[in-house]
């Protein structure tokens, strides 16, 4: 028994150290792990294509810049909206359109938003992103790291005042839940629950059930509303025909 006890001591110590290391992870370390298990460098090195609500979306790198594209096909035209770095352009049947800055900014934000959610958690290491660990919480019988995300005004886009909350599973590091508070179009809050988790070309993609609160509460407390059944299902966010290629399409 003495020898068994001696063997168990280092095992127990190693187990405690592992638990402590897991508990002591910073917000940045949690996001880094989440990005790595979701696809890591493949996000940057791959061209990605998917369909969402009758439109096609493509992202790839060209001349060192990330291109985010949305293609809308109607009976009379093919409209291609492209966000190239910080610039935006619209082609209608391959003819460049001259647009007011306000229209260009609105369209660029619309294109960027769909791509941003599609590739989560990849965008959480952009330079304008600030991350704060709020602690560990339990949701639907699993434990999560709860992280608050805000944005610097410089580089944070027109919606830099928006606030996001992410719930990362403490074992898989999947962002199974996310919420955000926005200020455009009258403002509001949303809570998303991930489902249909799948890997395509080494990158993980998720669909979401999209909820809004039935009662007012701070955005950081919206998970409590979800647990209490005080959210209303608004829509589902589903990516279709997802393709990943190490080269551009």
Protein backbone atom coordinates (compact mmCIF):
# COMPACT_ATOMS: atom_id res chain seq x y z
CA UNK A 1 0.00 0.00 0.00
CA UNK A 2 2.89 2.33 0.74
CA UNK A 3 4.20 2.02 -2.83
CA UNK A 4 0.73 2.50 -4.32
CA UNK A 5 0.32 5.67 -2.27
CA UNK A 6 3.67 6.99 -3.46
CA UNK A 7 2.70 6.36 -7.07
CA UNK A 8 -0.65 8.13 -6.64
CA UNK A 9 0.87 11.31 -5.20
CA UNK A 10 2.55 12.53 -8.41
CA UNK A 11 -0.52 11.54 -10.43
CA UNK A 12 -2.73 13.61 -8.16
CA UNK A 13 -0.30 16.54 -8.30
CA UNK A 14 -0.20 16.41 -12.09
CA UNK A 15 -4.00 16.31 -12.18
CA UNK A 16 -4.25 19.34 -9.93
CA UNK A 17 -1.72 21.23 -12.03
CA UNK A 18 -3.71 20.42 -15.15
CA UNK A 19 -6.91 21.71 -13.57
CA UNK A 20 -5.17 24.82 -12.31
CA UNK A 21 -3.64 25.52 -15.72
CA UNK A 22 -7.06 25.17 -17.33
CA UNK A 23 -8.66 27.47 -14.75
CA UNK A 24 -5.90 30.07 -15.09
CA UNK A 25 -6.23 30.54 -18.84
CA UNK A 26 -6.54 34.16 -19.92
CA UNK A 27 -9.16 35.44 -22.35
CA UNK A 28 -6.47 35.66 -25.04
CA UNK A 29 -5.30 32.09 -24.44
CA UNK A 30 -8.88 30.78 -24.60
CA UNK A 31 -9.50 32.54 -27.92
CA UNK A 32 -6.16 31.32 -29.29
CA UNK A 33 -7.09 27.72 -28.45
CA UNK A 34 -10.56 28.15 -29.89
CA UNK A 35 -9.18 29.44 -33.20
CA UNK A 36 -6.58 26.68 -33.35
CA UNK A 37 -9.06 23.83 -32.85
CA UNK A 38 -11.50 25.44 -35.30
CA UNK A 39 -9.00 25.63 -38.16
CA UNK A 40 -6.08 27.87 -37.22
CA UNK A 41 -3.98 28.96 -40.21
CA UNK A 42 -6.43 27.37 -42.64
CA UNK A 43 -8.66 30.42 -42.26
CA UNK A 44 -5.92 32.64 -43.64
CA UNK A 45 -4.57 30.22 -46.24
CA UNK A 46 -7.84 28.99 -47.76
CA UNK A 47 -10.48 30.32 -50.07
CA UNK A 48 -13.94 29.79 -48.60
CA UNK A 49 -17.29 29.77 -50.34
CA UNK A 50 -20.83 29.29 -49.04
CA UNK A 51 -24.44 30.20 -49.76
CA UNK A 52 -26.61 32.15 -47.33
CA UNK A 53 -30.18 33.26 -47.95
CA UNK A 54 -30.04 32.94 -51.74
CA UNK A 55 -26.71 34.72 -52.06
CA UNK A 56 -23.20 33.38 -52.61
CA UNK A 57 -20.29 34.45 -50.43
CA UNK A 58 -16.59 34.02 -51.20
CA UNK A 59 -13.44 35.00 -49.31
CA UNK A 60 -9.85 34.73 -50.48
CA UNK A 61 -6.56 36.61 -50.51
CA UNK A 62 -5.46 38.67 -53.49
CA UNK A 63 -2.27 40.76 -53.68
CA UNK A 64 -1.85 40.41 -49.91
CA UNK A 65 -5.36 41.67 -49.12
CA UNK A 66 -8.36 39.75 -47.87
CA UNK A 67 -11.29 39.91 -50.27
CA UNK A 68 -14.81 39.39 -48.90
CA UNK A 69 -17.36 39.00 -51.67
CA UNK A 70 -21.13 38.68 -51.94
CA UNK A 71 -22.77 37.69 -55.22
CA UNK A 72 -26.48 38.33 -55.80
CA UNK A 73 -28.08 36.86 -58.92
CA UNK A 74 -31.42 38.24 -60.13
CA UNK A 75 -33.41 37.71 -63.34
CA UNK A 76 -31.68 40.67 -64.98
CA UNK A 77 -28.28 41.09 -63.30
CA UNK A 78 -25.41 39.66 -61.34
CA UNK A 79 -24.44 42.04 -58.53
CA UNK A 80 -20.99 41.51 -57.03
CA UNK A 81 -20.19 43.38 -53.81
CA UNK A 82 -16.55 43.16 -52.72
CA UNK A 83 -14.81 44.41 -49.60
CA UNK A 84 -11.10 44.51 -50.49
CA UNK A 85 -9.09 45.48 -47.43
CA UNK A 86 -10.77 48.71 -46.33
CA UNK A 87 -12.16 49.52 -49.79
CA UNK A 88 -15.50 48.56 -51.30
CA UNK A 89 -16.72 48.14 -54.86
CA UNK A 90 -19.93 47.04 -56.55
CA UNK A 91 -20.14 45.53 -60.01
CA UNK A 92 -23.44 45.10 -61.83
CA UNK A 93 -22.96 42.75 -64.78
CA UNK A 94 -19.21 43.53 -64.58
CA UNK A 95 -19.81 47.30 -64.73
CA UNK A 96 -18.32 49.28 -61.84
CA UNK A 97 -20.89 51.37 -59.97
CA UNK A 98 -20.16 54.81 -58.53
CA UNK A 99 -21.78 54.93 -55.10
CA UNK A 100 -22.03 57.57 -52.34
CA UNK A 101 -19.74 56.89 -49.37
CA UNK A 102 -22.70 56.28 -47.08
CA UNK A 103 -24.05 53.57 -49.40
CA UNK A 104 -20.61 51.98 -49.82
CA UNK A 105 -20.09 51.89 -46.05
CA UNK A 106 -23.51 50.34 -45.45
CA UNK A 107 -22.98 47.65 -48.07
CA UNK A 108 -19.44 46.94 -46.89
CA UNK A 109 -20.70 46.44 -43.33
CA UNK A 110 -23.43 44.11 -44.56
CA UNK A 111 -20.94 41.95 -46.49
CA UNK A 112 -18.44 41.97 -43.62
CA UNK A 113 -21.07 40.96 -41.04
CA UNK A 114 -22.05 37.72 -42.79
CA UNK A 115 -18.42 36.70 -43.32
CA UNK A 116 -17.54 37.62 -39.73
CA UNK A 117 -20.15 35.33 -38.20
CA UNK A 118 -19.41 32.53 -40.67
CA UNK A 119 -15.74 32.31 -39.63
CA UNK A 120 -16.04 32.69 -35.87
CA UNK A 121 -13.97 32.49 -33.76
CA UNK A 122 -11.26 33.51 -36.27
CA UNK A 123 -11.99 37.26 -36.27
CA UNK A 124 -11.56 37.56 -32.51
CA UNK A 125 -7.83 38.15 -32.89
CA UNK A 126 -8.19 41.23 -35.08
CA UNK A 127 -6.17 44.18 -33.82
CA UNK A 128 -9.16 46.30 -32.76
CA UNK A 129 -10.65 43.53 -30.57
CA UNK A 130 -10.51 43.70 -26.77
CA UNK A 131 -11.22 40.54 -24.77
CA UNK A 132 -12.15 40.18 -21.08
CA UNK A 133 -12.74 36.92 -19.23
CA UNK A 134 -15.90 37.21 -17.12
CA UNK A 135 -15.47 33.82 -15.47
CA UNK A 136 -16.78 30.28 -15.86
CA UNK A 137 -20.51 29.55 -16.06
CA UNK A 138 -22.75 26.55 -16.64
CA UNK A 139 -25.17 26.35 -19.57
CA UNK A 140 -27.26 23.28 -20.34
CA UNK A 141 -25.15 20.97 -18.17
CA UNK A 142 -21.79 22.07 -19.64
CA UNK A 143 -19.20 24.51 -18.33
CA UNK A 144 -18.08 27.51 -20.36
CA UNK A 145 -15.57 30.33 -20.32
CA UNK A 146 -17.57 33.54 -20.66
CA UNK A 147 -15.69 36.27 -22.55
CA UNK A 148 -16.74 39.85 -23.23
CA UNK A 149 -15.54 41.40 -26.51
CA UNK A 150 -15.44 45.12 -27.31
CA UNK A 151 -13.76 47.07 -30.12
CA UNK A 152 -11.44 50.04 -30.40
CA UNK A 153 -12.85 52.97 -32.36
CA UNK A 154 -9.81 52.93 -34.63
CA UNK A 155 -10.05 49.83 -36.78
CA UNK A 156 -13.28 48.69 -35.16
CA UNK A 157 -15.54 49.74 -38.02
CA UNK A 158 -18.73 51.77 -37.83
CA UNK A 159 -20.18 49.35 -35.27
CA UNK A 160 -17.25 49.64 -32.86
CA UNK A 161 -19.66 50.36 -29.97
CA UNK A 162 -21.25 46.92 -30.26
CA UNK A 163 -20.58 44.50 -27.40
CA UNK A 164 -20.29 40.72 -27.82
CA UNK A 165 -20.32 37.90 -25.29
CA UNK A 166 -18.95 34.45 -26.17
CA UNK A 167 -19.32 31.19 -24.28
CA UNK A 168 -16.42 28.79 -25.02
CA UNK A 169 -16.75 25.18 -23.88
CA UNK A 170 -14.05 24.52 -21.28
CA UNK A 171 -13.04 21.21 -22.89
CA UNK A 172 -13.68 21.58 -26.64
CA UNK A 173 -13.21 25.40 -26.82
CA UNK A 174 -16.16 25.60 -29.21
CA UNK A 175 -18.11 28.90 -29.09
CA UNK A 176 -21.42 27.14 -28.53
CA UNK A 177 -23.22 30.38 -27.61
CA UNK A 178 -22.75 34.02 -28.45
CA UNK A 179 -24.65 37.23 -27.83
CA UNK A 180 -24.32 40.79 -28.98
CA UNK A 181 -25.74 44.23 -28.34
CA UNK A 182 -25.96 46.54 -31.35
CA UNK A 183 -26.88 50.21 -31.76
CA UNK A 184 -27.86 50.60 -35.43
CA UNK A 185 -31.48 50.62 -36.63
CA UNK A 186 -32.79 51.34 -33.16
CA UNK A 187 -30.47 48.90 -31.41
CA UNK A 188 -31.17 45.60 -29.74
CA UNK A 189 -29.75 42.35 -28.42
CA UNK A 190 -29.38 38.89 -29.90
CA UNK A 191 -28.44 35.50 -28.49
CA UNK A 192 -27.29 32.68 -30.76
CA UNK A 193 -27.12 28.97 -30.04
CA UNK A 194 -24.80 26.96 -32.30
CA UNK A 195 -25.84 23.68 -33.91
CA UNK A 196 -24.90 21.54 -36.93
CA UNK A 197 -21.23 21.70 -36.03
CA UNK A 198 -19.16 20.27 -38.94
CA UNK A 199 -15.69 20.40 -40.43
CA UNK A 200 -15.08 21.28 -44.09
CA UNK A 201 -11.54 21.30 -45.42
CA UNK A 202 -10.17 21.34 -41.87
CA UNK A 203 -12.27 24.37 -40.81
CA UNK A 204 -15.20 24.09 -38.43
CA UNK A 205 -18.48 25.73 -39.35
CA UNK A 206 -21.61 26.15 -37.23
CA UNK A 207 -25.19 27.19 -37.85
CA UNK A 208 -27.14 29.19 -35.26
CA UNK A 209 -30.59 29.62 -33.79
CA UNK A 210 -31.06 33.35 -33.39
CA UNK A 211 -33.03 34.68 -30.38
CA UNK A 212 -34.04 38.04 -28.96
CA UNK A 213 -34.92 38.80 -25.31
CA UNK A 214 -38.52 39.18 -24.18
CA UNK A 215 -37.50 41.35 -21.21
CA UNK A 216 -34.80 43.95 -20.73
CA UNK A 217 -31.48 42.90 -19.18
CA UNK A 218 -27.79 43.77 -19.51
CA UNK A 219 -26.18 41.89 -22.40
CA UNK A 220 -23.86 40.05 -19.98
CA UNK A 221 -26.92 38.54 -18.27
CA UNK A 222 -28.65 37.28 -21.41
CA UNK A 223 -27.56 33.70 -20.73
CA UNK A 224 -29.74 33.83 -17.60
CA UNK A 225 -32.70 34.82 -19.77
CA UNK A 226 -31.99 31.88 -22.05
CA UNK A 227 -31.93 29.49 -19.09
CA UNK A 228 -35.19 30.99 -17.80
CA UNK A 229 -36.92 30.61 -21.19
CA UNK A 230 -37.25 34.37 -21.67
CA UNK A 231 -35.91 34.53 -25.23
CA UNK A 232 -37.90 34.40 -28.47
CA UNK A 233 -36.64 32.53 -31.54
CA UNK A 234 -36.36 34.95 -34.46
CA UNK A 235 -34.60 32.98 -37.19
CA UNK A 236 -32.00 30.39 -38.05
CA UNK A 237 -28.60 31.22 -39.52
CA UNK A 238 -27.66 28.40 -41.90
CA UNK A 239 -24.67 28.21 -44.22
CA UNK A 240 -25.19 25.99 -47.26
CA UNK A 241 -22.87 24.45 -49.87
CA UNK A 242 -19.75 25.28 -47.86
CA UNK A 243 -16.50 24.77 -49.76
CA UNK A 244 -12.91 25.23 -48.61
CA UNK A 245 -9.98 25.27 -50.99
CA UNK A 246 -6.28 25.89 -50.20
CA UNK A 247 -6.15 27.97 -53.41
CA UNK A 248 -8.44 30.72 -54.66
CA UNK A 249 -11.62 29.78 -56.50
